[in-house]
C-alpha atoms as a PDB file:
ATOM      1  CA  MET A   1      -1.423 -27.100  20.046  1.00  0.00           C
ATOM      2  CA  LYS A   2       2.071 -25.921  19.166  1.00  0.00           C
ATOM      3  CA  LYS A   3       3.397 -22.424  19.676  1.00  0.00           C
ATOM      4  CA  GLU A   4       5.098 -22.472  16.287  1.00  0.00           C
ATOM      5  CA  GLU A   5       1.684 -22.850  14.595  1.00  0.00           C
ATOM      6  CA  PHE A   6       0.788 -19.307  15.496  1.00  0.00           C
ATOM      7  CA  ASP A   7       1.733 -15.973  14.081  1.00  0.00           C
ATOM      8  CA  PRO A   8       3.956 -14.564  16.884  1.00  0.00           C
ATOM      9  CA  GLU A   9       1.714 -11.510  17.360  1.00  0.00           C
ATOM     10  CA  VAL A  10      -1.346 -13.745  17.696  1.00  0.00           C
ATOM     11  CA  TYR A  11       0.314 -15.979  20.252  1.00  0.00           C
ATOM     12  CA  GLU A  12       1.427 -13.037  22.353  1.00  0.00           C
ATOM     13  CA  PHE A  13      -2.036 -11.439  22.161  1.00  0.00           C
ATOM     14  CA  TYR A  14      -3.821 -14.608  23.338  1.00  0.00           C
ATOM     15  CA  LYS A  15      -0.990 -15.956  25.500  1.00  0.00           C
ATOM     16  CA  ALA A  16      -2.962 -16.116  28.754  1.00  0.00           C
ATOM     17  CA  SER A  17      -5.717 -18.238  27.212  1.00  0.00           C
ATOM     18  CA  LEU A  18      -3.425 -20.345  25.049  1.00  0.00           C
ATOM     19  CA  GLU A  19      -1.287 -21.272  28.045  1.00  0.00           C
ATOM     20  CA  GLY A  20      -4.279 -21.485  30.397  1.00  0.00           C
ATOM     21  CA  ASN A  21      -7.727 -23.043  30.011  1.00  0.00           C
ATOM     22  CA  GLY A  22      -8.249 -22.196  26.374  1.00  0.00           C
ATOM     23  CA  PHE A  23     -11.445 -20.652  25.033  1.00  0.00           C
ATOM     24  CA  ARG A  24     -14.064 -23.094  26.269  1.00  0.00           C
ATOM     25  CA  ALA A  25     -17.310 -21.366  27.180  1.00  0.00           C
ATOM     26  CA  ASN A  26     -20.642 -22.615  28.434  1.00  0.00           C
ATOM     27  CA  LEU A  27     -23.411 -20.639  26.771  1.00  0.00           C
ATOM     28  CA  ASP A  28     -26.228 -22.722  28.235  1.00  0.00           C
ATOM     29  CA  ASN A  29     -26.535 -20.770  31.474  1.00  0.00           C
ATOM     30  CA  LEU A  30     -25.102 -17.430  30.382  1.00  0.00           C
ATOM     31  CA  ASP A  31     -27.461 -14.493  30.037  1.00  0.00           C
ATOM     32  CA  ILE A  32     -27.381 -13.205  26.434  1.00  0.00           C
ATOM     33  CA  GLU A  33     -27.268  -9.559  27.470  1.00  0.00           C
ATOM     34  CA  MET A  34     -24.361 -10.302  29.785  1.00  0.00           C
ATOM     35  CA  LEU A  35     -22.585 -12.150  26.979  1.00  0.00           C
ATOM     36  CA  ARG A  36     -23.005  -9.149  24.685  1.00  0.00           C
ATOM     37  CA  GLU A  37     -21.707  -6.777  27.324  1.00  0.00           C
ATOM     38  CA  ILE A  38     -18.655  -8.946  27.972  1.00  0.00           C
ATOM     39  CA  GLU A  39     -17.923  -9.133  24.245  1.00  0.00           C
ATOM     40  CA  ILE A  40     -18.175  -5.360  23.747  1.00  0.00           C
ATOM     41  CA  LYS A  41     -15.928  -4.638  26.738  1.00  0.00           C
ATOM     42  CA  SER A  42     -13.403  -7.254  25.629  1.00  0.00           C
ATOM     43  CA  HIS A  43     -13.142  -5.796  22.143  1.00  0.00           C
ATOM     44  CA  ALA A  44     -13.032  -2.199  23.377  1.00  0.00           C
ATOM     45  CA  TRP A  45     -10.035  -3.057  25.553  1.00  0.00           C
ATOM     46  CA  HIS A  46      -7.984  -3.948  22.479  1.00  0.00           C
ATOM     47  CA  LEU A  47      -9.300  -1.486  19.873  1.00  0.00           C
ATOM     48  CA  ASP A  48      -8.057   2.030  19.247  1.00  0.00           C
ATOM     49  CA  PRO A  49     -10.227   4.799  17.759  1.00  0.00           C
ATOM     50  CA  TYR A  50      -9.827   5.243  14.022  1.00  0.00           C
ATOM     51  CA  GLU A  51     -10.747   8.483  12.309  1.00  0.00           C
ATOM     52  CA  VAL A  52     -12.082   8.706   8.776  1.00  0.00           C
ATOM     53  CA  TYR A  53     -12.773  11.798   6.691  1.00  0.00           C
ATOM     54  CA  GLU A  54     -16.424  11.774   7.715  1.00  0.00           C
ATOM     55  CA  LYS A  55     -18.628   9.523   9.852  1.00  0.00           C
ATOM     56  CA  LYS A  56     -22.384   9.764  10.337  1.00  0.00           C
ATOM     57  CA  ASP A  57     -24.873   7.828  12.471  1.00  0.00           C
ATOM     58  CA  ILE A  58     -28.328   7.495  10.960  1.00  0.00           C
ATOM     59  CA  THR A  59     -31.493   5.982  12.395  1.00  0.00           C
ATOM     60  CA  VAL A  60     -33.908   4.785   9.736  1.00  0.00           C
ATOM     61  CA  SER A  61     -37.568   4.361  10.671  1.00  0.00           C
ATOM     62  CA  ARG A  62     -39.495   1.343   9.416  1.00  0.00           C
ATOM     63  CA  GLU A  63     -43.197   0.576   9.471  1.00  0.00           C
ATOM     64  CA  ASP A  64     -42.936  -3.186   9.890  1.00  0.00           C
ATOM     65  CA  ALA A  65     -39.897  -3.454  12.186  1.00  0.00           C
ATOM     66  CA  GLU A  66     -37.957  -1.512  14.767  1.00  0.00           C
ATOM     67  CA  ASP A  67     -35.750   1.373  13.667  1.00  0.00           C
ATOM     68  CA  LEU A  68     -32.457   0.415  12.029  1.00  0.00           C
ATOM     69  CA  TRP A  69     -29.201   2.080  13.075  1.00  0.00           C
ATOM     70  CA  LEU A  70     -26.655   2.647  10.305  1.00  0.00           C
ATOM     71  CA  ARG A  71     -23.191   4.176  10.475  1.00  0.00           C
ATOM     72  CA  VAL A  72     -21.772   5.691   7.294  1.00  0.00           C
ATOM     73  CA  TYR A  73     -18.001   5.983   6.778  1.00  0.00           C
ATOM     74  CA  VAL A  74     -16.816   8.402   4.080  1.00  0.00           C
ATOM     75  CA  PRO A  75     -13.128   8.241   3.045  1.00  0.00           C
ATOM     76  CA  GLU A  76     -11.085  11.249   1.988  1.00  0.00           C
ATOM     77  CA  ALA A  77     -11.142   9.860  -1.565  1.00  0.00           C
ATOM     78  CA  VAL A  78     -14.651  11.309  -1.890  1.00  0.00           C
ATOM     79  CA  ARG A  79     -13.075  14.750  -2.341  1.00  0.00           C
ATOM     80  CA  VAL A  80     -11.668  13.597  -5.686  1.00  0.00           C
ATOM     81  CA  ASP A  81     -14.247  11.045  -6.841  1.00  0.00           C
ATOM     82  CA  VAL A  82     -17.500  12.403  -5.431  1.00  0.00           C
ATOM     83  CA  GLY A  83     -20.418  10.432  -6.793  1.00  0.00           C
ATOM     84  CA  LYS A  84     -18.134   7.704  -8.124  1.00  0.00           C
ATOM     85  CA  LEU A  85     -17.144   5.730  -5.023  1.00  0.00           C
ATOM     86  CA  PRO A  86     -18.500   2.205  -4.540  1.00  0.00           C
ATOM     87  CA  VAL A  87     -20.635   1.542  -1.487  1.00  0.00           C
ATOM     88  CA  ILE A  88     -19.814  -1.370   0.846  1.00  0.00           C
ATOM     89  CA  LEU A  89     -22.599  -2.636   3.086  1.00  0.00           C
ATOM     90  CA  TYR A  90     -20.902  -4.116   6.151  1.00  0.00           C
ATOM     91  CA  PHE A  91     -22.500  -6.706   8.437  1.00  0.00           C
ATOM     92  CA  HIS A  92     -20.599  -7.388  11.654  1.00  0.00           C
ATOM     93  CA  GLY A  93     -19.765 -10.791  13.092  1.00  0.00           C
ATOM     94  CA  GLY A  94     -20.897 -12.226  16.406  1.00  0.00           C
ATOM     95  CA  GLY A  95     -22.522 -15.566  15.717  1.00  0.00           C
ATOM     96  CA  PHE A  96     -25.887 -13.939  14.891  1.00  0.00           C
ATOM     97  CA  ILE A  97     -26.420 -13.291  18.629  1.00  0.00           C
ATOM     98  CA  MET A  98     -23.951 -10.502  19.450  1.00  0.00           C
ATOM     99  CA  GLY A  99     -21.565  -7.985  17.896  1.00  0.00           C
ATOM    100  CA  SER A 100     -22.267  -4.366  17.058  1.00  0.00           C
ATOM    101  CA  ILE A 101     -21.416  -1.337  14.965  1.00  0.00           C
ATOM    102  CA  GLU A 102     -19.289  -0.047  17.833  1.00  0.00           C
ATOM    103  CA  ASP A 103     -16.911  -2.980  18.171  1.00  0.00           C
ATOM    104  CA  HIS A 104     -16.397  -3.087  14.395  1.00  0.00           C
ATOM    105  CA  ASP A 105     -15.916   0.674  14.088  1.00  0.00           C
ATOM    106  CA  PRO A 106     -12.113   0.759  13.523  1.00  0.00           C
ATOM    107  CA  LEU A 107     -12.355  -2.105  11.019  1.00  0.00           C
ATOM    108  CA  CYS A 108     -15.066  -0.373   8.973  1.00  0.00           C
ATOM    109  CA  GLY A 109     -13.191   2.915   9.009  1.00  0.00           C
ATOM    110  CA  ARG A 110     -10.006   1.303   7.757  1.00  0.00           C
ATOM    111  CA  LEU A 111     -11.938  -0.669   5.129  1.00  0.00           C
ATOM    112  CA  ALA A 112     -13.415   2.579   3.790  1.00  0.00           C
ATOM    113  CA  ASP A 113      -9.943   4.087   3.394  1.00  0.00           C
ATOM    114  CA  GLU A 114      -8.295   0.993   1.903  1.00  0.00           C
ATOM    115  CA  CYS A 115     -11.099   0.319  -0.590  1.00  0.00           C
ATOM    116  CA  ARG A 116     -11.739   4.017  -1.293  1.00  0.00           C
ATOM    117  CA  ALA A 117     -15.395   3.289  -0.734  1.00  0.00           C
ATOM    118  CA  ILE A 118     -18.346   4.493   1.284  1.00  0.00           C
ATOM    119  CA  VAL A 119     -18.964   1.921   4.034  1.00  0.00           C
ATOM    120  CA  ILE A 120     -22.401   1.548   5.584  1.00  0.00           C
ATOM    121  CA  SER A 121     -22.347  -0.578   8.739  1.00  0.00           C
ATOM    122  CA  ALA A 122     -25.716  -1.983   9.812  1.00  0.00           C
ATOM    123  CA  GLU A 123     -26.891  -2.790  13.350  1.00  0.00           C
ATOM    124  CA  TYR A 124     -29.076  -5.668  12.192  1.00  0.00           C
ATOM    125  CA  ARG A 125     -31.425  -7.484  14.544  1.00  0.00           C
ATOM    126  CA  LEU A 126     -29.921 -10.293  16.634  1.00  0.00           C
ATOM    127  CA  ALA A 127     -31.119 -13.712  17.752  1.00  0.00           C
ATOM    128  CA  PRO A 128     -32.593 -15.139  19.874  1.00  0.00           C
ATOM    129  CA  GLU A 129     -34.937 -12.135  20.149  1.00  0.00           C
ATOM    130  CA  HIS A 130     -35.005 -11.904  16.347  1.00  0.00           C
ATOM    131  CA  PRO A 131     -34.106 -15.282  14.804  1.00  0.00           C
ATOM    132  CA  PHE A 132     -33.563 -16.114  11.136  1.00  0.00           C
ATOM    133  CA  PRO A 133     -34.442 -14.564   8.733  1.00  0.00           C
ATOM    134  CA  ALA A 134     -34.659 -11.190  10.540  1.00  0.00           C
ATOM    135  CA  CYS A 135     -31.011 -10.258   9.884  1.00  0.00           C
ATOM    136  CA  ILE A 136     -31.387 -11.180   6.201  1.00  0.00           C
ATOM    137  CA  GLU A 137     -34.461  -8.959   5.940  1.00  0.00           C
ATOM    138  CA  ASP A 138     -32.433  -6.153   7.529  1.00  0.00           C
ATOM    139  CA  ALA A 139     -29.652  -6.697   4.988  1.00  0.00           C
ATOM    140  CA  VAL A 140     -32.115  -6.374   2.113  1.00  0.00           C
ATOM    141  CA  PHE A 141     -33.547  -3.220   3.680  1.00  0.00           C
ATOM    142  CA  THR A 142     -30.040  -1.780   4.093  1.00  0.00           C
ATOM    143  CA  ALA A 143     -29.266  -2.460   0.433  1.00  0.00           C
ATOM    144  CA  GLU A 144     -32.497  -0.782  -0.670  1.00  0.00           C
ATOM    145  CA  TRP A 145     -31.766   2.217   1.542  1.00  0.00           C
ATOM    146  CA  ALA A 146     -28.206   2.470   0.224  1.00  0.00           C
ATOM    147  CA  ARG A 147     -29.365   2.366  -3.388  1.00  0.00           C
ATOM    148  CA  GLU A 148     -31.684   5.300  -2.695  1.00  0.00           C
ATOM    149  CA  HIS A 149     -29.316   7.373  -0.541  1.00  0.00           C
ATOM    150  CA  ALA A 150     -25.763   6.547  -1.699  1.00  0.00           C
ATOM    151  CA  HIS A 151     -25.499   9.732  -3.741  1.00  0.00           C
ATOM    152  CA  GLU A 152     -25.984  11.795  -0.572  1.00  0.00           C
ATOM    153  CA  PHE A 153     -22.567  10.622   0.662  1.00  0.00           C
ATOM    154  CA  GLY A 154     -20.708  10.726  -2.648  1.00  0.00           C
ATOM    155  CA  GLY A 155     -21.343   7.067  -3.470  1.00  0.00           C
ATOM    156  CA  ASP A 156     -22.408   5.361  -6.674  1.00  0.00           C
ATOM    157  CA  PRO A 157     -25.825   3.684  -6.181  1.00  0.00           C
ATOM    158  CA  GLU A 158     -25.066   1.369  -9.103  1.00  0.00           C
ATOM    159  CA  ARG A 159     -22.049  -0.148  -7.331  1.00  0.00           C
ATOM    160  CA  ILE A 160     -23.172  -1.624  -4.050  1.00  0.00           C
ATOM    161  CA  LEU A 161     -20.907  -4.252  -2.493  1.00  0.00           C
ATOM    162  CA  ALA A 162     -21.483  -6.370   0.594  1.00  0.00           C
ATOM    163  CA  GLY A 163     -19.020  -7.546   3.202  1.00  0.00           C
ATOM    164  CA  GLY A 164     -18.715  -8.920   6.680  1.00  0.00           C
ATOM    165  CA  ASP A 165     -16.847 -11.134   9.090  1.00  0.00           C
ATOM    166  CA  SER A 166     -18.017 -14.521  10.396  1.00  0.00           C
ATOM    167  CA  SER A 167     -21.838 -14.414  10.609  1.00  0.00           C
ATOM    168  CA  GLY A 168     -21.714 -11.111   8.717  1.00  0.00           C
ATOM    169  CA  ALA A 169     -19.999 -12.857   5.808  1.00  0.00           C
ATOM    170  CA  ASN A 170     -22.858 -15.356   5.758  1.00  0.00           C
ATOM    171  CA  ILE A 171     -25.382 -12.499   5.605  1.00  0.00           C
ATOM    172  CA  SER A 172     -23.451 -10.811   2.784  1.00  0.00           C
ATOM    173  CA  ALA A 173     -23.290 -13.972   0.687  1.00  0.00           C
ATOM    174  CA  ALA A 174     -27.024 -14.548   1.167  1.00  0.00           C
ATOM    175  CA  LEU A 175     -27.720 -10.943   0.152  1.00  0.00           C
ATOM    176  CA  ALA A 176     -25.683 -11.406  -3.044  1.00  0.00           C
ATOM    177  CA  LEU A 177     -27.733 -14.477  -3.952  1.00  0.00           C
ATOM    178  CA  LEU A 178     -30.963 -12.581  -3.340  1.00  0.00           C
ATOM    179  CA  GLY A 179     -29.659  -9.707  -5.459  1.00  0.00           C
ATOM    180  CA  ARG A 180     -28.744 -12.057  -8.277  1.00  0.00           C
ATOM    181  CA  ASP A 181     -32.249 -13.528  -8.192  1.00  0.00           C
ATOM    182  CA  GLY A 182     -33.956 -10.137  -8.272  1.00  0.00           C
ATOM    183  CA  LYS A 183     -35.137 -10.279  -4.651  1.00  0.00           C
ATOM    184  CA  ALA A 184     -32.825  -7.492  -3.458  1.00  0.00           C
ATOM    185  CA  PRO A 185     -30.645  -4.796  -5.043  1.00  0.00           C
ATOM    186  CA  GLU A 186     -27.848  -6.296  -7.105  1.00  0.00           C
ATOM    187  CA  ILE A 187     -24.532  -6.687  -5.299  1.00  0.00           C
ATOM    188  CA  SER A 188     -21.417  -5.759  -7.290  1.00  0.00           C
ATOM    189  CA  GLY A 189     -18.789  -7.437  -5.119  1.00  0.00           C
ATOM    190  CA  LEU A 190     -18.244  -9.452  -1.943  1.00  0.00           C
ATOM    191  CA  ILE A 191     -15.707  -9.036   0.869  1.00  0.00           C
ATOM    192  CA  LEU A 192     -15.921 -12.094   3.112  1.00  0.00           C
ATOM    193  CA  PHE A 193     -13.815 -12.672   6.211  1.00  0.00           C
ATOM    194  CA  TYR A 194     -13.851 -16.218   7.701  1.00  0.00           C
ATOM    195  CA  GLY A 195     -17.549 -16.833   7.195  1.00  0.00           C
ATOM    196  CA  THR A 196     -19.862 -19.773   7.690  1.00  0.00           C
ATOM    197  CA  TYR A 197     -21.679 -20.958   4.550  1.00  0.00           C
ATOM    198  CA  GLY A 198     -22.972 -24.466   5.189  1.00  0.00           C
ATOM    199  CA  CYS A 199     -20.753 -26.153   2.594  1.00  0.00           C
ATOM    200  CA  ILE A 200     -19.094 -28.617   4.967  1.00  0.00           C
ATOM    201  CA  GLY A 201     -20.441 -30.065   8.191  1.00  0.00           C
ATOM    202  CA  PHE A 202     -18.190 -30.179  11.230  1.00  0.00           C
ATOM    203  CA  SER A 203     -17.879 -33.964  10.931  1.00  0.00           C
ATOM    204  CA  GLU A 204     -16.405 -33.532   7.428  1.00  0.00           C
ATOM    205  CA  SER A 205     -14.129 -30.616   8.230  1.00  0.00           C
ATOM    206  CA  GLU A 206     -10.487 -31.192   9.086  1.00  0.00           C
ATOM    207  CA  SER A 207     -10.158 -27.612  10.359  1.00  0.00           C
ATOM    208  CA  ALA A 208     -13.118 -28.121  12.716  1.00  0.00           C
ATOM    209  CA  ARG A 209     -11.519 -31.315  14.032  1.00  0.00           C
ATOM    210  CA  LEU A 210      -8.109 -29.690  14.512  1.00  0.00           C
ATOM    211  CA  TYR A 211      -9.122 -26.247  15.772  1.00  0.00           C
ATOM    212  CA  GLY A 212     -12.649 -26.570  17.122  1.00  0.00           C
ATOM    213  CA  GLN A 213     -12.091 -28.253  20.482  1.00  0.00           C
ATOM    214  CA  GLY A 214     -11.663 -25.119  22.584  1.00  0.00           C
ATOM    215  CA  ASP A 215      -7.992 -24.267  22.174  1.00  0.00           C
ATOM    216  CA  TYR A 216      -8.314 -21.896  19.195  1.00  0.00           C
ATOM    217  CA  VAL A 217     -10.731 -19.023  20.021  1.00  0.00           C
ATOM    218  CA  LEU A 218     -13.914 -20.546  18.533  1.00  0.00           C
ATOM    219  CA  PRO A 219     -15.023 -23.961  19.839  1.00  0.00           C
ATOM    220  CA  VAL A 220     -17.422 -25.971  17.674  1.00  0.00           C
ATOM    221  CA  ASN A 221     -19.867 -26.398  20.557  1.00  0.00           C
ATOM    222  CA  THR A 222     -20.078 -22.608  20.844  1.00  0.00           C
ATOM    223  CA  ILE A 223     -20.896 -22.322  17.133  1.00  0.00           C
ATOM    224  CA  GLU A 224     -23.560 -25.006  17.479  1.00  0.00           C
ATOM    225  CA  LYS A 225     -25.160 -23.189  20.419  1.00  0.00           C
ATOM    226  CA  MET A 226     -25.204 -19.911  18.510  1.00  0.00           C
ATOM    227  CA  MET A 227     -26.852 -21.571  15.524  1.00  0.00           C
ATOM    228  CA  GLU A 228     -29.395 -23.193  17.812  1.00  0.00           C
ATOM    229  CA  LEU A 229     -30.357 -19.742  19.077  1.00  0.00           C
ATOM    230  CA  TYR A 230     -30.439 -18.339  15.538  1.00  0.00           C
ATOM    231  CA  ILE A 231     -32.355 -20.974  13.588  1.00  0.00           C
ATOM    232  CA  PRO A 232     -36.065 -21.593  14.341  1.00  0.00           C
ATOM    233  CA  GLU A 233     -37.237 -25.177  14.485  1.00  0.00           C
ATOM    234  CA  GLY A 234     -38.428 -26.443  11.125  1.00  0.00           C
ATOM    235  CA  THR A 235     -36.208 -24.128   9.026  1.00  0.00           C
ATOM    236  CA  ASP A 236     -35.077 -25.668   5.749  1.00  0.00           C
ATOM    237  CA  PRO A 237     -31.286 -26.141   6.056  1.00  0.00           C
ATOM    238  CA  ASP A 238     -30.972 -25.834   2.267  1.00  0.00           C
ATOM    239  CA  ASP A 239     -32.493 -22.346   2.207  1.00  0.00           C
ATOM    240  CA  TYR A 240     -29.636 -20.331   0.717  1.00  0.00           C
ATOM    241  CA  ARG A 241     -30.497 -17.373   2.935  1.00  0.00           C
ATOM    242  CA  LEU A 242     -29.383 -19.583   5.826  1.00  0.00           C
ATOM    243  CA  ASN A 243     -26.627 -21.573   4.116  1.00  0.00           C
ATOM    244  CA  PRO A 244     -25.431 -19.758   0.972  1.00  0.00           C
ATOM    245  CA  GLY A 245     -23.010 -22.572   0.188  1.00  0.00           C
ATOM    246  CA  ARG A 246     -25.915 -24.949  -0.390  1.00  0.00           C
ATOM    247  CA  ALA A 247     -27.464 -22.912  -3.187  1.00  0.00           C
ATOM    248  CA  GLU A 248     -28.204 -25.185  -6.148  1.00  0.00           C
ATOM    249  CA  ASP A 249     -26.767 -22.596  -8.512  1.00  0.00           C
ATOM    250  CA  LEU A 250     -23.863 -20.248  -7.711  1.00  0.00           C
ATOM    251  CA  CYS A 251     -23.504 -18.885 -11.232  1.00  0.00           C
ATOM    252  CA  ASN A 252     -23.564 -15.153 -11.983  1.00  0.00           C
ATOM    253  CA  MET A 253     -22.362 -14.115  -8.564  1.00  0.00           C
ATOM    254  CA  PRO A 254     -20.284 -10.933  -8.120  1.00  0.00           C
ATOM    255  CA  PRO A 255     -16.485 -11.027  -7.770  1.00  0.00           C
ATOM    256  CA  ALA A 256     -15.467 -12.026  -4.267  1.00  0.00           C
ATOM    257  CA  VAL A 257     -12.474 -11.891  -1.975  1.00  0.00           C
ATOM    258  CA  LEU A 258     -12.575 -14.553   0.757  1.00  0.00           C
ATOM    259  CA  ILE A 259     -10.081 -14.537   3.607  1.00  0.00           C
ATOM    260  CA  SER A 260      -9.727 -17.511   5.945  1.00  0.00           C
ATOM    261  CA  GLY A 261      -7.650 -18.099   9.053  1.00  0.00           C
ATOM    262  CA  GLY A 262      -5.259 -21.028   9.010  1.00  0.00           C
ATOM    263  CA  LEU A 263      -6.159 -21.955  12.611  1.00  0.00           C
ATOM    264  CA  ASP A 264      -9.914 -21.325  12.311  1.00  0.00           C
ATOM    265  CA  PRO A 265     -12.427 -24.200  12.582  1.00  0.00           C
ATOM    266  CA  LEU A 266     -14.459 -22.441   9.839  1.00  0.00           C
ATOM    267  CA  ARG A 267     -11.488 -22.428   7.457  1.00  0.00           C
ATOM    268  CA  ASP A 268     -12.489 -25.442   5.375  1.00  0.00           C
ATOM    269  CA  ASP A 269     -16.100 -24.334   4.986  1.00  0.00           C
ATOM    270  CA  GLY A 270     -14.997 -20.905   3.748  1.00  0.00           C
ATOM    271  CA  GLU A 271     -12.428 -22.285   1.344  1.00  0.00           C
ATOM    272  CA  GLU A 272     -14.929 -24.795  -0.013  1.00  0.00           C
ATOM    273  CA  PHE A 273     -17.366 -21.949  -0.654  1.00  0.00           C
ATOM    274  CA  ALA A 274     -14.617 -20.116  -2.547  1.00  0.00           C
ATOM    275  CA  LYS A 275     -14.044 -23.235  -4.691  1.00  0.00           C
ATOM    276  CA  ARG A 276     -17.746 -23.605  -5.440  1.00  0.00           C
ATOM    277  CA  LEU A 277     -17.995 -19.967  -6.475  1.00  0.00           C
ATOM    278  CA  GLU A 278     -14.949 -20.330  -8.713  1.00  0.00           C
ATOM    279  CA  ASN A 279     -16.195 -23.597 -10.239  1.00  0.00           C
ATOM    280  CA  ALA A 280     -19.445 -21.829 -11.087  1.00  0.00           C
ATOM    281  CA  GLY A 281     -17.488 -19.362 -13.214  1.00  0.00           C
ATOM    282  CA  ASN A 282     -17.150 -16.458 -10.809  1.00  0.00           C
ATOM    283  CA  LYS A 283     -14.044 -14.366 -10.106  1.00  0.00           C
ATOM    284  CA  VAL A 284     -12.683 -15.308  -6.698  1.00  0.00           C
ATOM    285  CA  TRP A 285      -9.661 -14.280  -4.644  1.00  0.00           C
ATOM    286  CA  SER A 286      -9.239 -16.865  -1.862  1.00  0.00           C
ATOM    287  CA  ILE A 287      -6.544 -16.044   0.691  1.00  0.00           C
ATOM    288  CA  ARG A 288      -5.536 -18.165   3.694  1.00  0.00           C
ATOM    289  CA  ALA A 289      -3.807 -16.333   6.531  1.00  0.00           C
ATOM    290  CA  GLU A 290      -1.566 -18.919   8.157  1.00  0.00           C
ATOM    291  CA  GLY A 291      -1.104 -18.710  11.907  1.00  0.00           C
ATOM    292  CA  MET A 292      -4.263 -16.675  12.421  1.00  0.00           C
ATOM    293  CA  MET A 293      -7.345 -17.623  14.451  1.00  0.00           C
ATOM    294  CA  HIS A 294     -10.985 -16.723  13.984  1.00  0.00           C
ATOM    295  CA  GLY A 295     -11.794 -13.028  14.338  1.00  0.00           C
ATOM    296  CA  PHE A 296      -8.286 -11.771  13.588  1.00  0.00           C
ATOM    297  CA  MET A 297      -9.285  -9.044  11.107  1.00  0.00           C
ATOM    298  CA  LEU A 298     -11.072  -7.208  13.896  1.00  0.00           C
ATOM    299  CA  TYR A 299      -7.657  -6.694  15.539  1.00  0.00           C
ATOM    300  CA  TRP A 300      -5.871  -5.249  12.529  1.00  0.00           C
ATOM    301  CA  GLN A 301      -4.364  -2.624  14.851  1.00  0.00           C
ATOM    302  CA  ARG A 302      -2.584  -5.432  16.748  1.00  0.00           C
ATOM    303  CA  PHE A 303      -1.791  -7.942  13.984  1.00  0.00           C
ATOM    304  CA  SER A 304       0.462  -6.907  11.100  1.00  0.00           C
ATOM    305  CA  ARG A 305      -0.906  -9.737   8.964  1.00  0.00           C
ATOM    306  CA  ALA A 306      -4.457  -8.435   9.331  1.00  0.00           C
ATOM    307  CA  LYS A 307      -3.379  -4.917   8.420  1.00  0.00           C
ATOM    308  CA  GLU A 308      -1.612  -6.263   5.323  1.00  0.00           C
ATOM    309  CA  LEU A 309      -4.731  -8.183   4.314  1.00  0.00           C
ATOM    310  CA  LEU A 310      -6.925  -5.101   4.648  1.00  0.00           C
ATOM    311  CA  LYS A 311      -4.530  -3.346   2.280  1.00  0.00           C
ATOM    312  CA  ARG A 312      -4.643  -6.313  -0.110  1.00  0.00           C
ATOM    313  CA  THR A 313      -8.430  -6.365   0.077  1.00  0.00           C
ATOM    314  CA  GLY A 314      -8.485  -2.701  -0.909  1.00  0.00           C
ATOM    315  CA  GLU A 315      -6.194  -3.369  -3.873  1.00  0.00           C
ATOM    316  CA  ILE A 316      -8.467  -6.171  -5.082  1.00  0.00           C
ATOM    317  CA  VAL A 317     -11.687  -4.228  -4.631  1.00  0.00           C
ATOM    318  CA  ARG A 318     -10.313  -1.255  -6.533  1.00  0.00           C
ATOM    319  CA  THR A 319      -9.637  -3.499  -9.562  1.00  0.00           C
ATOM    320  CA  TRP A 320     -13.373  -4.186  -9.753  1.00  0.00           C
ATOM    321  CA  SER A 321     -13.907  -0.541 -10.649  1.00  0.00           C
ATOM    322  CA  GLU A 322     -11.366  -0.518 -13.443  1.00  0.00           C
END
């Protein structure tokens, strides 16, 4: 690990860990609820409130599952383009076992403003209490709900996009495949931040070898433990709802912006997914943020590079409406 590898703001932010014991964590004996609480408190310490034109919390009742909590972000642009704004379904990161609407609140608010879109953030069910494919089922439900209710917030029900960070990017990509195949509402665009897609195993990935040993935020053994908690025994690893990058056919997917971190062990997997989408004839904007580690978009209020990339994401997404 070399200091000059890092964006200066990133190094300063993580200085204590980078110059100390790194980011190694033992999840084997850690209570999941305690882990979630630690994560929420850690994020809250570094996040500032962000106000949007309008924000609403909605609890949607379901017959076959527990109620689903959604948070709707409405940008000021709705005052000019009411009924015309795209709708972005946002699925938070957290390795399928943690993360929440609350700790992604500033990111979703800013995304709504930059993209001039309605953002609907979903508190999907988490593993291990609710393993795969529960979160995918929740994503489909969220898309169906959005298609029916988007007009109530000034959104266009015919332009539903999906986005997320890390595990949320995985969920979004799976939802787009289901939409393409007629098993969910059609997705009109994808916003994917440093996701996991199953394109490249850790043994094949240079980024996992270089940045996955515990010195760069996200150790490979932590990812493996999270996936162990998420995936039931006997699950087909080629099921594209689990590993979107292993879909036999990636044709006719929506336009996508994929952002990777230069110092992220998931970098190569994400960039390979971008290549496969592009090779299948889809429009893809693949952007590598050098010097950035996994999770950096969440801290856009601390990292200038992340703030710039949110602006760039908004510029790209707005071209999809032209």
